[in-house]
Amino acid sequence: MVAPKVGAPIYLYLGIKKVLATGGFFPAADFRDHPVRKTHRWTASSRRNDAAITPMCDNHILADVTTVEPDGVRVRQAERADLLEIHRIEQAAFPQPWPFSALESYLGEAAFLVAERDGTDTVVAGYVIADAVPNHGTPLGHVKDLAVRPEARRKGVATALLKRAIRVLDSTGAGSVKLEVRADNDGAQTLYRRFGFEHRKTIPNYYSNGSDAHVMVRLL
């Protein structure tokens, strides 16, 4: 859950995400954009519209690079071979997980990223899905989904993923990045504020359980 769509115990439940469970640092559903919606954001037509931007630089080159954070977290672009593990994390993290086909539809997006941790046999530790859409002439970045495997939480994975996703969105020429987070998810909001996100407005009954969402925005 930005639905920082930015887990179960740490509920990455990115309202920068998909973000309900209890316990942990913050719910996963709060790191994702997964409220009660009238349309499905993963439909082919909507995805084509969302991707209709002209990069100001070659952000695909940036996405193809594997970066290693100081805590040993490696971040790279998601590949088809990662989808099964990503789907398993998605199902464990969210009460209303995206279907496999929704995750698959984002393959190739520069900001569909996965993280791996040293000493874990390159098992996917977490992932983030973000993109940029036209917005009055300047692309707007949107963190839609962020989730971390339960045993990999509190180890810098979400931070590494969010950091890299913001860099990729910045490379598209986006002027700002938004995300939705549960209004009562103080832990996630603390993480987002560390990245410069600020609360802009509150949307009542945004999530399927009736929770409100805070829309947070960071200027690039």
Protein backbone atom coordinates (compact mmCIF):
# COMPACT_ATOMS: atom_id res chain seq x y z
CA MET A 1 0.00 0.00 0.00
CA VAL A 2 1.50 4.01 -2.32
CA ALA A 3 -2.31 2.59 -3.09
CA PRO A 4 6.15 5.69 2.37
CA LYS A 5 -0.03 1.16 -3.36
CA VAL A 6 4.11 4.22 -0.90
CA GLY A 7 2.79 -5.18 4.66
CA ALA A 8 1.04 -7.64 6.68
CA PRO A 9 2.97 -7.05 9.87
CA ILE A 10 4.87 -4.18 8.25
CA TYR A 11 1.96 -3.83 5.96
CA LEU A 12 3.48 -2.58 2.81
CA TYR A 13 -0.88 -2.97 2.78
CA LEU A 14 1.92 1.80 -0.49
CA GLY A 15 -1.63 2.97 0.25
CA ILE A 16 4.14 4.89 -2.71
CA LYS A 17 0.96 1.35 -1.77
CA LYS A 18 -1.09 -1.38 -1.81
CA VAL A 19 -1.36 -1.37 1.56
CA LEU A 20 -4.62 -4.54 6.34
CA ALA A 21 -3.09 -6.95 8.62
CA THR A 22 -1.96 -6.04 12.06
CA GLY A 23 1.35 -5.57 13.77
CA GLY A 24 4.68 -4.52 12.35
CA PHE A 25 5.92 -1.09 11.40
CA PHE A 26 3.19 -0.17 8.94
CA PRO A 27 0.60 -2.06 6.86
CA ALA A 28 1.44 -3.05 3.30
CA ALA A 29 -1.95 -1.98 2.02
CA ASP A 30 -1.03 1.57 2.90
CA PHE A 31 1.71 1.47 0.37
CA ARG A 32 -0.56 0.95 -2.51
CA ASP A 33 -3.26 2.59 -4.48
CA HIS A 34 -5.95 0.00 -3.67
CA PRO A 35 -9.13 1.74 -2.58
CA VAL A 36 -12.64 0.87 -3.69
CA ARG A 37 -12.40 2.00 -7.30
CA LYS A 38 -14.97 2.25 -10.07
CA THR A 39 -12.42 1.21 -12.69
CA HIS A 40 -9.59 -1.29 -12.71
CA ARG A 41 -6.28 0.51 -13.20
CA TRP A 42 -4.69 -2.57 -14.70
CA THR A 43 -6.90 -2.78 -17.78
CA ALA A 44 -5.00 -2.68 -21.05
CA SER A 45 -6.65 0.55 -22.18
CA SER A 46 -5.94 2.43 -18.97
CA ARG A 47 -2.37 1.20 -18.90
CA ARG A 48 -1.74 2.48 -22.40
CA ASN A 49 -3.03 5.89 -21.38
CA ASP A 50 -0.94 5.90 -18.21
CA ALA A 51 2.19 5.14 -20.19
CA ALA A 52 1.58 7.86 -22.75
CA ILE A 53 4.44 10.16 -21.79
CA THR A 54 7.65 11.15 -23.52
CA PRO A 55 10.74 10.57 -21.35
CA MET A 56 13.12 13.53 -21.20
CA CYS A 57 16.04 11.11 -20.90
CA ASP A 58 16.64 7.41 -21.37
CA ASN A 59 15.07 6.23 -18.13
CA HIS A 60 15.14 2.63 -19.40
CA ILE A 61 18.93 2.72 -19.14
CA LEU A 62 18.57 3.88 -15.54
CA ALA A 63 16.04 1.14 -14.82
CA ASP A 64 18.26 -1.57 -16.30
CA VAL A 65 21.06 -0.75 -13.88
CA THR A 66 21.28 -2.75 -10.65
CA THR A 67 22.01 -0.51 -7.69
CA VAL A 68 23.32 -1.68 -4.32
CA GLU A 69 22.42 0.25 -1.19
CA PRO A 70 24.76 0.47 1.84
CA ASP A 71 22.73 -2.15 3.73
CA GLY A 72 23.26 -4.72 0.97
CA VAL A 73 19.91 -4.31 -0.76
CA ARG A 74 20.13 -4.65 -4.54
CA VAL A 75 17.43 -2.99 -6.66
CA ARG A 76 16.81 -3.77 -10.32
CA GLN A 77 14.00 -3.72 -12.87
CA ALA A 78 11.45 -6.52 -12.51
CA GLU A 79 11.63 -9.40 -14.98
CA ARG A 80 9.08 -12.00 -16.03
CA ALA A 81 10.92 -14.62 -13.95
CA ASP A 82 10.20 -12.54 -10.82
CA LEU A 83 6.42 -12.47 -11.24
CA LEU A 84 5.60 -15.62 -9.31
CA GLU A 85 7.48 -14.45 -6.22
CA ILE A 86 6.05 -10.96 -6.58
CA HIS A 87 2.55 -12.41 -6.74
CA ARG A 88 3.18 -14.48 -3.60
CA ILE A 89 4.34 -11.39 -1.71
CA GLU A 90 1.32 -9.51 -3.01
CA GLN A 91 -1.06 -12.20 -1.76
CA ALA A 92 0.61 -12.32 1.66
CA ALA A 93 0.64 -8.56 2.05
CA PHE A 94 -2.82 -7.46 1.00
CA PRO A 95 -6.37 -8.51 1.82
CA GLN A 96 -7.36 -7.60 -1.75
CA PRO A 97 -4.29 -8.52 -3.78
CA TRP A 98 -3.84 -7.62 -7.41
CA PRO A 99 -4.33 -10.58 -9.77
CA PHE A 100 -1.28 -12.03 -11.47
CA SER A 101 -2.36 -10.47 -14.77
CA ALA A 102 -2.34 -6.98 -13.21
CA LEU A 103 1.24 -7.37 -12.06
CA GLU A 104 2.21 -8.85 -15.40
CA SER A 105 0.73 -5.87 -17.24
CA TYR A 106 3.34 -3.58 -15.65
CA LEU A 107 6.33 -5.55 -16.96
CA GLY A 108 8.56 -3.20 -18.88
CA GLU A 109 7.66 -0.16 -16.80
CA ALA A 110 10.88 1.56 -15.82
CA ALA A 111 9.71 1.89 -12.21
CA PHE A 112 8.51 -1.70 -11.74
CA LEU A 113 11.41 -2.66 -9.50
CA VAL A 114 12.40 -5.56 -7.27
CA ALA A 115 14.81 -5.72 -4.35
CA GLU A 116 17.10 -8.56 -3.32
CA ARG A 117 19.17 -8.85 -0.15
CA ASP A 118 22.70 -10.19 0.18
CA GLY A 119 22.85 -13.74 1.49
CA THR A 120 19.32 -14.67 0.38
CA ASP A 121 20.14 -16.49 -2.87
CA THR A 122 18.70 -13.56 -4.83
CA VAL A 123 15.15 -14.21 -3.61
CA VAL A 124 12.88 -11.23 -4.29
CA ALA A 125 12.58 -9.37 -0.99
CA GLY A 126 10.11 -6.74 -2.15
CA TYR A 127 8.90 -4.72 -5.09
CA VAL A 128 7.49 -1.35 -6.08
CA ILE A 129 5.29 -0.32 -9.01
CA ALA A 130 5.24 3.31 -10.04
CA ASP A 131 4.66 5.21 -13.25
CA ALA A 132 4.22 8.71 -14.63
CA VAL A 133 1.17 10.12 -16.39
CA PRO A 134 0.54 13.35 -18.34
CA ASN A 135 -0.47 16.21 -16.07
CA HIS A 136 -1.00 19.62 -17.69
CA GLY A 137 2.19 19.32 -19.70
CA THR A 138 4.40 17.96 -16.93
CA PRO A 139 4.32 14.23 -16.05
CA LEU A 140 3.06 13.29 -12.59
CA GLY A 141 4.70 10.34 -10.86
CA HIS A 142 2.50 7.91 -8.92
CA VAL A 143 3.69 5.21 -6.55
CA LYS A 144 0.97 2.58 -6.87
CA ASP A 145 2.20 -0.52 -5.09
CA LEU A 146 4.95 -1.37 -2.63
CA ALA A 147 5.28 -4.58 -0.64
CA VAL A 148 8.05 -6.40 1.23
CA ARG A 149 8.37 -10.06 2.14
CA PRO A 150 7.58 -10.48 5.90
CA GLU A 151 11.04 -11.79 6.84
CA ALA A 152 12.73 -8.95 4.93
CA ARG A 153 10.93 -6.08 6.66
CA ARG A 154 12.72 -3.49 8.80
CA LYS A 155 15.90 -4.11 6.85
CA GLY A 156 15.97 -1.17 4.49
CA VAL A 157 14.14 -2.85 1.61
CA ALA A 158 11.21 -0.41 1.38
CA THR A 159 13.58 2.53 1.68
CA ALA A 160 15.79 1.25 -1.12
CA LEU A 161 12.83 0.58 -3.40
CA LEU A 162 11.27 3.97 -2.82
CA LYS A 163 14.57 5.76 -3.31
CA ARG A 164 15.18 4.07 -6.66
CA ALA A 165 11.57 4.52 -7.84
CA ILE A 166 11.79 8.26 -7.19
CA ARG A 167 15.01 8.45 -9.19
CA VAL A 168 13.39 6.67 -12.13
CA LEU A 169 10.32 8.92 -12.01
CA ASP A 170 12.58 11.97 -11.85
CA SER A 171 14.31 10.77 -15.02
CA THR A 172 10.99 10.89 -16.91
CA GLY A 173 10.75 14.61 -16.33
CA ALA A 174 8.00 14.28 -13.71
CA GLY A 175 7.54 17.43 -11.71
CA SER A 176 6.19 15.66 -8.63
CA VAL A 177 5.29 12.25 -7.20
CA LYS A 178 2.11 11.36 -5.35
CA LEU A 179 0.95 8.40 -3.30
CA GLU A 180 -1.97 7.43 -1.08
CA VAL A 181 -1.52 6.21 2.49
CA ARG A 182 -4.01 5.27 5.21
CA ALA A 183 -4.76 8.26 7.39
CA ASP A 184 -4.02 6.26 10.56
CA ASN A 185 -0.80 4.71 9.29
CA ASP A 186 1.70 6.86 11.17
CA GLY A 187 4.64 4.56 10.45
CA ALA A 188 4.25 4.73 6.68
CA GLN A 189 3.71 8.48 6.77
CA THR A 190 6.93 8.87 8.76
CA LEU A 191 8.81 6.99 6.05
CA TYR A 192 7.27 9.09 3.31
CA ARG A 193 8.07 12.32 5.11
CA ARG A 194 11.71 11.25 5.27
CA PHE A 195 11.60 11.27 1.48
CA GLY A 196 10.09 14.74 1.35
CA PHE A 197 6.43 13.81 0.87
CA GLU A 198 3.89 16.21 2.35
CA HIS A 199 0.19 15.71 3.14
CA ARG A 200 -1.90 17.56 0.58
CA LYS A 201 -5.46 16.32 1.14
CA THR A 202 -7.57 13.58 2.73
CA ILE A 203 -9.94 11.32 0.77
CA PRO A 204 -12.76 9.87 2.93
CA ASN A 205 -13.54 6.13 2.66
CA TYR A 206 -10.72 5.59 0.15
CA TYR A 207 -9.93 2.01 1.16
CA SER A 208 -12.25 -0.97 0.98
CA ASN A 209 -12.45 -1.20 4.79
CA GLY A 210 -13.71 2.38 4.99
CA SER A 211 -10.40 3.95 6.02
CA ASP A 212 -9.55 7.45 4.84
CA ALA A 213 -6.46 8.08 2.76
CA HIS A 214 -3.95 10.89 2.91
CA VAL A 215 -2.65 12.00 -0.45
CA MET A 216 1.02 12.84 -0.07
CA VAL A 217 3.10 14.64 -2.67
CA ARG A 218 6.80 15.24 -3.17
CA LEU A 219 8.15 17.82 -5.62
CA LEU A 220 11.06 16.74 -7.83
